[in-house]
Amino acid sequence: MTTVGRIWAAVTAAVVVCGLVVQLFVTASGHEGFFPDNPERVFNVFAYFTIQSNLLLGGTALVLALQPDRSGGELFKTLRLNGVLCIAVTGIVYHAVLARDADFHGWAQVANFLLHTVAPVVGVLGWLLFGPRGLTDWRIVGWSVVYPLLWLVFTLVRGAFVGFYPYPFVNVDEHGYGKVLLNCLLVAVLFLALAAGATTLDRRLRRKTTVER
């Protein structure tokens, strides 16, 4: 990874950290929401797919900023692909489905902008412009599906016990399991389409870079 790529990765990690810190501060100092008291309010932040996708993106970006030649290991490759794909899904789903019902003000609006808009833009652009290339293939794509499935299972099981669902489209109490699973299937199709596109594009960009060298 080039020096510019390392700087971009560092900026990406910084965006995620800033967004998370502001979000945790807003949540800890607020009084609205499903959980009225701390620490439950703060812990619940990490149940959101948005937060977890930002953590995946920011964590792998930080690793690349500190170790620009990092390319080995299926775990890191899977986490890197998950970070890029999940943050892309976060941005797309939020702006296409959830943004119209959002009503944030002050620092909450800042956190929302960083986590749902800035992070997806810098995360995807960073992958497109700087890679590193060659970290994804169809095997890695297969492994990348594990995390979203685990998140969904966790969300539905936890929701059945505590009655909390982080997003309207996974709210079983409101829509029932049939509609929720259909909604998740649509998101899964988006995820797999992005994964296939990323893998195909990565191969082409890698060949192009090799030829130019």
C-alpha atoms as a PDB file:
ATOM      1  CA  MET A   1       0.000   0.000   0.000  1.00  0.00           C
ATOM      2  CA  THR A   2       1.298   3.450  -0.920  1.00  0.00           C
ATOM      3  CA  THR A   3       1.949   6.264   1.544  1.00  0.00           C
ATOM      4  CA  VAL A   4      -1.213   7.999   0.380  1.00  0.00           C
ATOM      5  CA  GLY A   5      -3.092   4.747   0.894  1.00  0.00           C
ATOM      6  CA  ARG A   6      -1.782   4.486   4.455  1.00  0.00           C
ATOM      7  CA  ILE A   7      -2.854   8.060   5.171  1.00  0.00           C
ATOM      8  CA  TRP A   8      -6.301   7.336   3.738  1.00  0.00           C
ATOM      9  CA  ALA A   9      -6.567   4.224   5.900  1.00  0.00           C
ATOM     10  CA  ALA A  10      -5.561   6.228   8.969  1.00  0.00           C
ATOM     11  CA  VAL A  11      -8.155   8.914   8.158  1.00  0.00           C
ATOM     12  CA  THR A  12     -10.783   6.192   7.722  1.00  0.00           C
ATOM     13  CA  ALA A  13      -9.970   4.765  11.145  1.00  0.00           C
ATOM     14  CA  ALA A  14     -10.078   8.276  12.633  1.00  0.00           C
ATOM     15  CA  VAL A  15     -13.523   8.937  11.137  1.00  0.00           C
ATOM     16  CA  VAL A  16     -14.823   5.726  12.691  1.00  0.00           C
ATOM     17  CA  VAL A  17     -13.305   6.495  16.094  1.00  0.00           C
ATOM     18  CA  CYS A  18     -14.731  10.028  16.095  1.00  0.00           C
ATOM     19  CA  GLY A  19     -18.166   8.780  15.074  1.00  0.00           C
ATOM     20  CA  LEU A  20     -18.193   6.067  17.740  1.00  0.00           C
ATOM     21  CA  VAL A  21     -16.942   8.343  20.523  1.00  0.00           C
ATOM     22  CA  VAL A  22     -19.554  10.982  19.736  1.00  0.00           C
ATOM     23  CA  GLN A  23     -22.281   8.335  19.502  1.00  0.00           C
ATOM     24  CA  LEU A  24     -21.339   6.801  22.845  1.00  0.00           C
ATOM     25  CA  PHE A  25     -21.249  10.240  24.479  1.00  0.00           C
ATOM     26  CA  VAL A  26     -24.672  11.135  23.062  1.00  0.00           C
ATOM     27  CA  THR A  27     -26.130   7.798  24.145  1.00  0.00           C
ATOM     28  CA  ALA A  28     -24.651   7.914  27.648  1.00  0.00           C
ATOM     29  CA  SER A  29     -25.913  11.448  28.268  1.00  0.00           C
ATOM     30  CA  GLY A  30     -29.368  10.930  26.760  1.00  0.00           C
ATOM     31  CA  HIS A  31     -32.606   9.700  28.259  1.00  0.00           C
ATOM     32  CA  GLU A  32     -34.610   8.532  25.252  1.00  0.00           C
ATOM     33  CA  GLY A  33     -34.648   5.069  23.748  1.00  0.00           C
ATOM     34  CA  PHE A  34     -35.603   1.522  24.653  1.00  0.00           C
ATOM     35  CA  PHE A  35     -33.165   1.222  27.567  1.00  0.00           C
ATOM     36  CA  PRO A  36     -33.657   4.118  30.010  1.00  0.00           C
ATOM     37  CA  ASP A  37     -30.552   3.648  32.139  1.00  0.00           C
ATOM     38  CA  ASN A  38     -26.796   3.151  31.755  1.00  0.00           C
ATOM     39  CA  PRO A  39     -24.827   0.994  31.254  1.00  0.00           C
ATOM     40  CA  GLU A  40     -27.519  -0.854  29.266  1.00  0.00           C
ATOM     41  CA  ARG A  41     -28.000   2.163  26.984  1.00  0.00           C
ATOM     42  CA  VAL A  42     -24.311   2.296  26.098  1.00  0.00           C
ATOM     43  CA  PHE A  43     -23.898  -1.456  25.699  1.00  0.00           C
ATOM     44  CA  ASN A  44     -26.908  -1.550  23.393  1.00  0.00           C
ATOM     45  CA  VAL A  45     -25.128   0.736  20.915  1.00  0.00           C
ATOM     46  CA  PHE A  46     -22.977  -2.220  19.903  1.00  0.00           C
ATOM     47  CA  ALA A  47     -26.032  -4.252  18.895  1.00  0.00           C
ATOM     48  CA  TYR A  48     -26.477  -2.068  15.812  1.00  0.00           C
ATOM     49  CA  PHE A  49     -25.198  -3.336  12.462  1.00  0.00           C
ATOM     50  CA  THR A  50     -24.062   0.225  11.741  1.00  0.00           C
ATOM     51  CA  ILE A  51     -21.753   0.259  14.737  1.00  0.00           C
ATOM     52  CA  GLN A  52     -20.368  -3.198  14.081  1.00  0.00           C
ATOM     53  CA  SER A  53     -19.731  -2.467  10.405  1.00  0.00           C
ATOM     54  CA  ASN A  54     -17.902   0.715  11.389  1.00  0.00           C
ATOM     55  CA  LEU A  55     -15.798  -1.269  13.854  1.00  0.00           C
ATOM     56  CA  LEU A  56     -14.901  -3.792  11.154  1.00  0.00           C
ATOM     57  CA  LEU A  57     -13.993  -1.033   8.719  1.00  0.00           C
ATOM     58  CA  GLY A  58     -12.081   1.071  11.235  1.00  0.00           C
ATOM     59  CA  GLY A  59     -10.214  -1.872  12.738  1.00  0.00           C
ATOM     60  CA  THR A  60      -8.983  -3.252   9.417  1.00  0.00           C
ATOM     61  CA  ALA A  61      -8.165   0.247   8.153  1.00  0.00           C
ATOM     62  CA  LEU A  62      -6.047   0.852  11.252  1.00  0.00           C
ATOM     63  CA  VAL A  63      -4.196  -2.429  10.693  1.00  0.00           C
ATOM     64  CA  LEU A  64      -3.440  -1.388   7.093  1.00  0.00           C
ATOM     65  CA  ALA A  65      -2.276   2.053   8.215  1.00  0.00           C
ATOM     66  CA  LEU A  66       0.150   0.478  10.674  1.00  0.00           C
ATOM     67  CA  GLN A  67       1.065  -2.565   8.548  1.00  0.00           C
ATOM     68  CA  PRO A  68       0.653  -1.492   4.903  1.00  0.00           C
ATOM     69  CA  ASP A  69       1.996  -4.791   3.539  1.00  0.00           C
ATOM     70  CA  ARG A  70      -0.492  -6.888   5.510  1.00  0.00           C
ATOM     71  CA  SER A  71      -2.034  -9.368   3.100  1.00  0.00           C
ATOM     72  CA  GLY A  72      -1.946 -12.823   4.659  1.00  0.00           C
ATOM     73  CA  GLY A  73      -4.428 -14.880   6.599  1.00  0.00           C
ATOM     74  CA  GLU A  74      -7.998 -15.771   5.774  1.00  0.00           C
ATOM     75  CA  LEU A  75      -9.258 -14.115   8.959  1.00  0.00           C
ATOM     76  CA  PHE A  76      -7.871 -10.699   8.061  1.00  0.00           C
ATOM     77  CA  LYS A  77      -9.003 -11.018   4.453  1.00  0.00           C
ATOM     78  CA  THR A  78     -12.497 -11.910   5.595  1.00  0.00           C
ATOM     79  CA  LEU A  79     -12.638  -9.063   8.109  1.00  0.00           C
ATOM     80  CA  ARG A  80     -11.350  -6.597   5.513  1.00  0.00           C
ATOM     81  CA  LEU A  81     -13.974  -7.662   2.980  1.00  0.00           C
ATOM     82  CA  ASN A  82     -16.659  -7.613   5.678  1.00  0.00           C
ATOM     83  CA  GLY A  83     -15.629  -4.110   6.665  1.00  0.00           C
ATOM     84  CA  VAL A  84     -15.951  -2.785   3.120  1.00  0.00           C
ATOM     85  CA  LEU A  85     -19.130  -4.676   2.223  1.00  0.00           C
ATOM     86  CA  CYS A  86     -20.933  -4.069   5.510  1.00  0.00           C
ATOM     87  CA  ILE A  87     -20.162  -0.357   5.552  1.00  0.00           C
ATOM     88  CA  ALA A  88     -21.420  -0.145   1.962  1.00  0.00           C
ATOM     89  CA  VAL A  89     -24.642  -1.930   2.943  1.00  0.00           C
ATOM     90  CA  THR A  90     -24.937   0.387   5.956  1.00  0.00           C
ATOM     91  CA  GLY A  91     -24.720   3.484   3.781  1.00  0.00           C
ATOM     92  CA  ILE A  92     -27.069   2.187   1.090  1.00  0.00           C
ATOM     93  CA  VAL A  93     -29.762   0.853   3.432  1.00  0.00           C
ATOM     94  CA  TYR A  94     -29.669   3.929   5.646  1.00  0.00           C
ATOM     95  CA  HIS A  95     -30.012   6.446   2.838  1.00  0.00           C
ATOM     96  CA  ALA A  96     -32.497   4.354   0.841  1.00  0.00           C
ATOM     97  CA  VAL A  97     -34.751   3.186   3.684  1.00  0.00           C
ATOM     98  CA  LEU A  98     -34.023   4.696   7.085  1.00  0.00           C
ATOM     99  CA  ALA A  99     -32.936   8.302   6.496  1.00  0.00           C
ATOM    100  CA  ARG A 100     -36.442   9.597   5.818  1.00  0.00           C
ATOM    101  CA  ASP A 101     -37.496   8.722   9.376  1.00  0.00           C
ATOM    102  CA  ALA A 102     -34.318  10.016  11.021  1.00  0.00           C
ATOM    103  CA  ASP A 103     -34.605  13.039  13.280  1.00  0.00           C
ATOM    104  CA  PHE A 104     -31.239  13.894  14.808  1.00  0.00           C
ATOM    105  CA  HIS A 105     -29.996  17.161  16.239  1.00  0.00           C
ATOM    106  CA  GLY A 106     -26.749  18.523  17.612  1.00  0.00           C
ATOM    107  CA  TRP A 107     -24.037  15.994  18.350  1.00  0.00           C
ATOM    108  CA  ALA A 108     -26.389  13.121  17.514  1.00  0.00           C
ATOM    109  CA  GLN A 109     -26.586  14.476  13.981  1.00  0.00           C
ATOM    110  CA  VAL A 110     -22.789  14.670  13.827  1.00  0.00           C
ATOM    111  CA  ALA A 111     -22.446  11.033  14.903  1.00  0.00           C
ATOM    112  CA  ASN A 112     -25.119   9.945  12.458  1.00  0.00           C
ATOM    113  CA  PHE A 113     -23.391  11.754   9.585  1.00  0.00           C
ATOM    114  CA  LEU A 114     -19.986  10.274  10.393  1.00  0.00           C
ATOM    115  CA  LEU A 115     -21.222   6.699  10.849  1.00  0.00           C
ATOM    116  CA  HIS A 116     -23.804   6.511   8.042  1.00  0.00           C
ATOM    117  CA  THR A 117     -22.347   8.798   5.378  1.00  0.00           C
ATOM    118  CA  VAL A 118     -18.681   9.710   5.828  1.00  0.00           C
ATOM    119  CA  ALA A 119     -17.481   6.250   6.880  1.00  0.00           C
ATOM    120  CA  PRO A 120     -19.197   4.459   3.949  1.00  0.00           C
ATOM    121  CA  VAL A 121     -17.791   6.980   1.460  1.00  0.00           C
ATOM    122  CA  VAL A 122     -14.190   6.945   2.703  1.00  0.00           C
ATOM    123  CA  GLY A 123     -14.310   3.190   3.326  1.00  0.00           C
ATOM    124  CA  VAL A 124     -15.477   2.210  -0.151  1.00  0.00           C
ATOM    125  CA  LEU A 125     -13.361   4.850  -1.916  1.00  0.00           C
ATOM    126  CA  GLY A 126     -10.300   3.734   0.051  1.00  0.00           C
ATOM    127  CA  TRP A 127     -10.807   0.161  -1.098  1.00  0.00           C
ATOM    128  CA  LEU A 128     -11.360   1.215  -4.714  1.00  0.00           C
ATOM    129  CA  LEU A 129      -8.365   3.552  -4.872  1.00  0.00           C
ATOM    130  CA  PHE A 130      -5.797   1.862  -2.655  1.00  0.00           C
ATOM    131  CA  GLY A 131      -6.880  -1.725  -2.033  1.00  0.00           C
ATOM    132  CA  PRO A 132      -4.780  -3.554  -1.177  1.00  0.00           C
ATOM    133  CA  ARG A 133      -5.598  -5.853  -4.062  1.00  0.00           C
ATOM    134  CA  GLY A 134      -5.739  -9.618  -3.967  1.00  0.00           C
ATOM    135  CA  LEU A 135      -7.396  -9.961  -0.563  1.00  0.00           C
ATOM    136  CA  THR A 136     -10.657 -11.405  -1.811  1.00  0.00           C
ATOM    137  CA  ASP A 137     -11.786 -14.466  -3.729  1.00  0.00           C
ATOM    138  CA  TRP A 138     -14.884 -16.653  -3.729  1.00  0.00           C
ATOM    139  CA  ARG A 139     -13.717 -18.556  -0.660  1.00  0.00           C
ATOM    140  CA  ILE A 140     -13.354 -15.291   1.259  1.00  0.00           C
ATOM    141  CA  VAL A 141     -16.783 -14.227   0.013  1.00  0.00           C
ATOM    142  CA  GLY A 142     -18.201 -17.424   1.478  1.00  0.00           C
ATOM    143  CA  TRP A 143     -16.600 -16.726   4.844  1.00  0.00           C
ATOM    144  CA  SER A 144     -17.812 -13.118   4.745  1.00  0.00           C
ATOM    145  CA  VAL A 145     -21.430 -14.297   4.837  1.00  0.00           C
ATOM    146  CA  VAL A 146     -20.931 -15.771   8.325  1.00  0.00           C
ATOM    147  CA  TYR A 147     -20.871 -12.447  10.158  1.00  0.00           C
ATOM    148  CA  PRO A 148     -24.162 -11.009   8.776  1.00  0.00           C
ATOM    149  CA  LEU A 149     -25.894 -14.315   9.486  1.00  0.00           C
ATOM    150  CA  LEU A 150     -24.593 -14.356  13.061  1.00  0.00           C
ATOM    151  CA  TRP A 151     -25.726 -10.749  13.523  1.00  0.00           C
ATOM    152  CA  LEU A 152     -29.214 -11.623  12.282  1.00  0.00           C
ATOM    153  CA  VAL A 153     -29.516 -14.692  14.521  1.00  0.00           C
ATOM    154  CA  PHE A 154     -28.268 -12.721  17.523  1.00  0.00           C
ATOM    155  CA  THR A 155     -30.664  -9.845  16.784  1.00  0.00           C
ATOM    156  CA  LEU A 156     -33.730 -12.066  16.433  1.00  0.00           C
ATOM    157  CA  VAL A 157     -32.942 -14.255  19.450  1.00  0.00           C
ATOM    158  CA  ARG A 158     -32.112 -11.286  21.657  1.00  0.00           C
ATOM    159  CA  GLY A 159     -35.172  -9.428  20.416  1.00  0.00           C
ATOM    160  CA  ALA A 160     -37.411 -12.341  21.330  1.00  0.00           C
ATOM    161  CA  PHE A 161     -36.175 -12.134  24.930  1.00  0.00           C
ATOM    162  CA  VAL A 162     -35.802  -8.383  25.518  1.00  0.00           C
ATOM    163  CA  GLY A 163     -38.226  -6.983  22.934  1.00  0.00           C
ATOM    164  CA  PHE A 164     -35.665  -4.699  21.294  1.00  0.00           C
ATOM    165  CA  TYR A 165     -34.900  -4.661  17.569  1.00  0.00           C
ATOM    166  CA  PRO A 166     -32.323  -2.134  16.299  1.00  0.00           C
ATOM    167  CA  TYR A 167     -34.067  -1.403  12.979  1.00  0.00           C
ATOM    168  CA  PRO A 168     -37.721  -1.233  11.917  1.00  0.00           C
ATOM    169  CA  PHE A 169     -37.278  -3.769   9.118  1.00  0.00           C
ATOM    170  CA  VAL A 170     -36.159  -6.463  11.600  1.00  0.00           C
ATOM    171  CA  ASN A 171     -38.869  -5.716  14.155  1.00  0.00           C
ATOM    172  CA  VAL A 172     -40.637  -9.058  14.504  1.00  0.00           C
ATOM    173  CA  ASP A 173     -43.220  -7.647  16.919  1.00  0.00           C
ATOM    174  CA  GLU A 174     -44.364  -5.210  14.228  1.00  0.00           C
ATOM    175  CA  HIS A 175     -43.935  -7.194  11.008  1.00  0.00           C
ATOM    176  CA  GLY A 176     -43.789 -10.879  11.974  1.00  0.00           C
ATOM    177  CA  TYR A 177     -41.026 -13.328  11.109  1.00  0.00           C
ATOM    178  CA  GLY A 178     -42.143 -13.794   7.496  1.00  0.00           C
ATOM    179  CA  LYS A 179     -41.862 -10.120   6.566  1.00  0.00           C
ATOM    180  CA  VAL A 180     -38.654  -9.680   8.552  1.00  0.00           C
ATOM    181  CA  LEU A 181     -36.977 -12.640   6.858  1.00  0.00           C
ATOM    182  CA  LEU A 182     -38.083 -11.302   3.467  1.00  0.00           C
ATOM    183  CA  ASN A 183     -36.584  -7.902   4.326  1.00  0.00           C
ATOM    184  CA  CYS A 184     -33.349  -9.584   5.380  1.00  0.00           C
ATOM    185  CA  LEU A 185     -33.330 -11.624   2.178  1.00  0.00           C
ATOM    186  CA  LEU A 186     -33.405  -8.407   0.153  1.00  0.00           C
ATOM    187  CA  VAL A 187     -30.471  -7.050   2.162  1.00  0.00           C
ATOM    188  CA  ALA A 188     -28.669 -10.387   1.672  1.00  0.00           C
ATOM    189  CA  VAL A 189     -29.109 -10.103  -2.092  1.00  0.00           C
ATOM    190  CA  LEU A 190     -27.570  -6.620  -1.932  1.00  0.00           C
ATOM    191  CA  PHE A 191     -24.686  -7.935   0.179  1.00  0.00           C
ATOM    192  CA  LEU A 192     -23.963 -10.850  -2.181  1.00  0.00           C
ATOM    193  CA  ALA A 193     -24.215  -8.608  -5.248  1.00  0.00           C
ATOM    194  CA  LEU A 194     -21.687  -6.220  -3.721  1.00  0.00           C
ATOM    195  CA  ALA A 195     -19.445  -9.160  -2.755  1.00  0.00           C
ATOM    196  CA  ALA A 196     -19.523 -10.575  -6.279  1.00  0.00           C
ATOM    197  CA  GLY A 197     -18.888  -7.156  -7.772  1.00  0.00           C
ATOM    198  CA  ALA A 198     -16.019  -6.462  -5.384  1.00  0.00           C
ATOM    199  CA  THR A 199     -14.358  -9.813  -6.103  1.00  0.00           C
ATOM    200  CA  THR A 200     -14.655  -9.415  -9.872  1.00  0.00           C
ATOM    201  CA  LEU A 201     -13.449  -5.807  -9.767  1.00  0.00           C
ATOM    202  CA  ASP A 202     -10.559  -6.685  -7.466  1.00  0.00           C
ATOM    203  CA  ARG A 203      -9.295  -9.268  -9.956  1.00  0.00           C
ATOM    204  CA  ARG A 204      -9.473  -6.794 -12.835  1.00  0.00           C
ATOM    205  CA  LEU A 205      -7.750  -4.043 -10.887  1.00  0.00           C
ATOM    206  CA  ARG A 206      -5.059  -6.467  -9.749  1.00  0.00           C
ATOM    207  CA  ARG A 207      -4.383  -7.579 -13.341  1.00  0.00           C
ATOM    208  CA  LYS A 208      -4.284  -3.960 -14.481  1.00  0.00           C
ATOM    209  CA  THR A 209      -1.796  -3.059 -11.747  1.00  0.00           C
ATOM    210  CA  THR A 210       0.364  -6.061 -12.627  1.00  0.00           C
ATOM    211  CA  VAL A 211       0.414  -5.158 -16.336  1.00  0.00           C
ATOM    212  CA  GLU A 212       1.293  -1.525 -15.597  1.00  0.00           C
ATOM    213  CA  ARG A 213       4.219  -2.650 -13.469  1.00  0.00           C
END
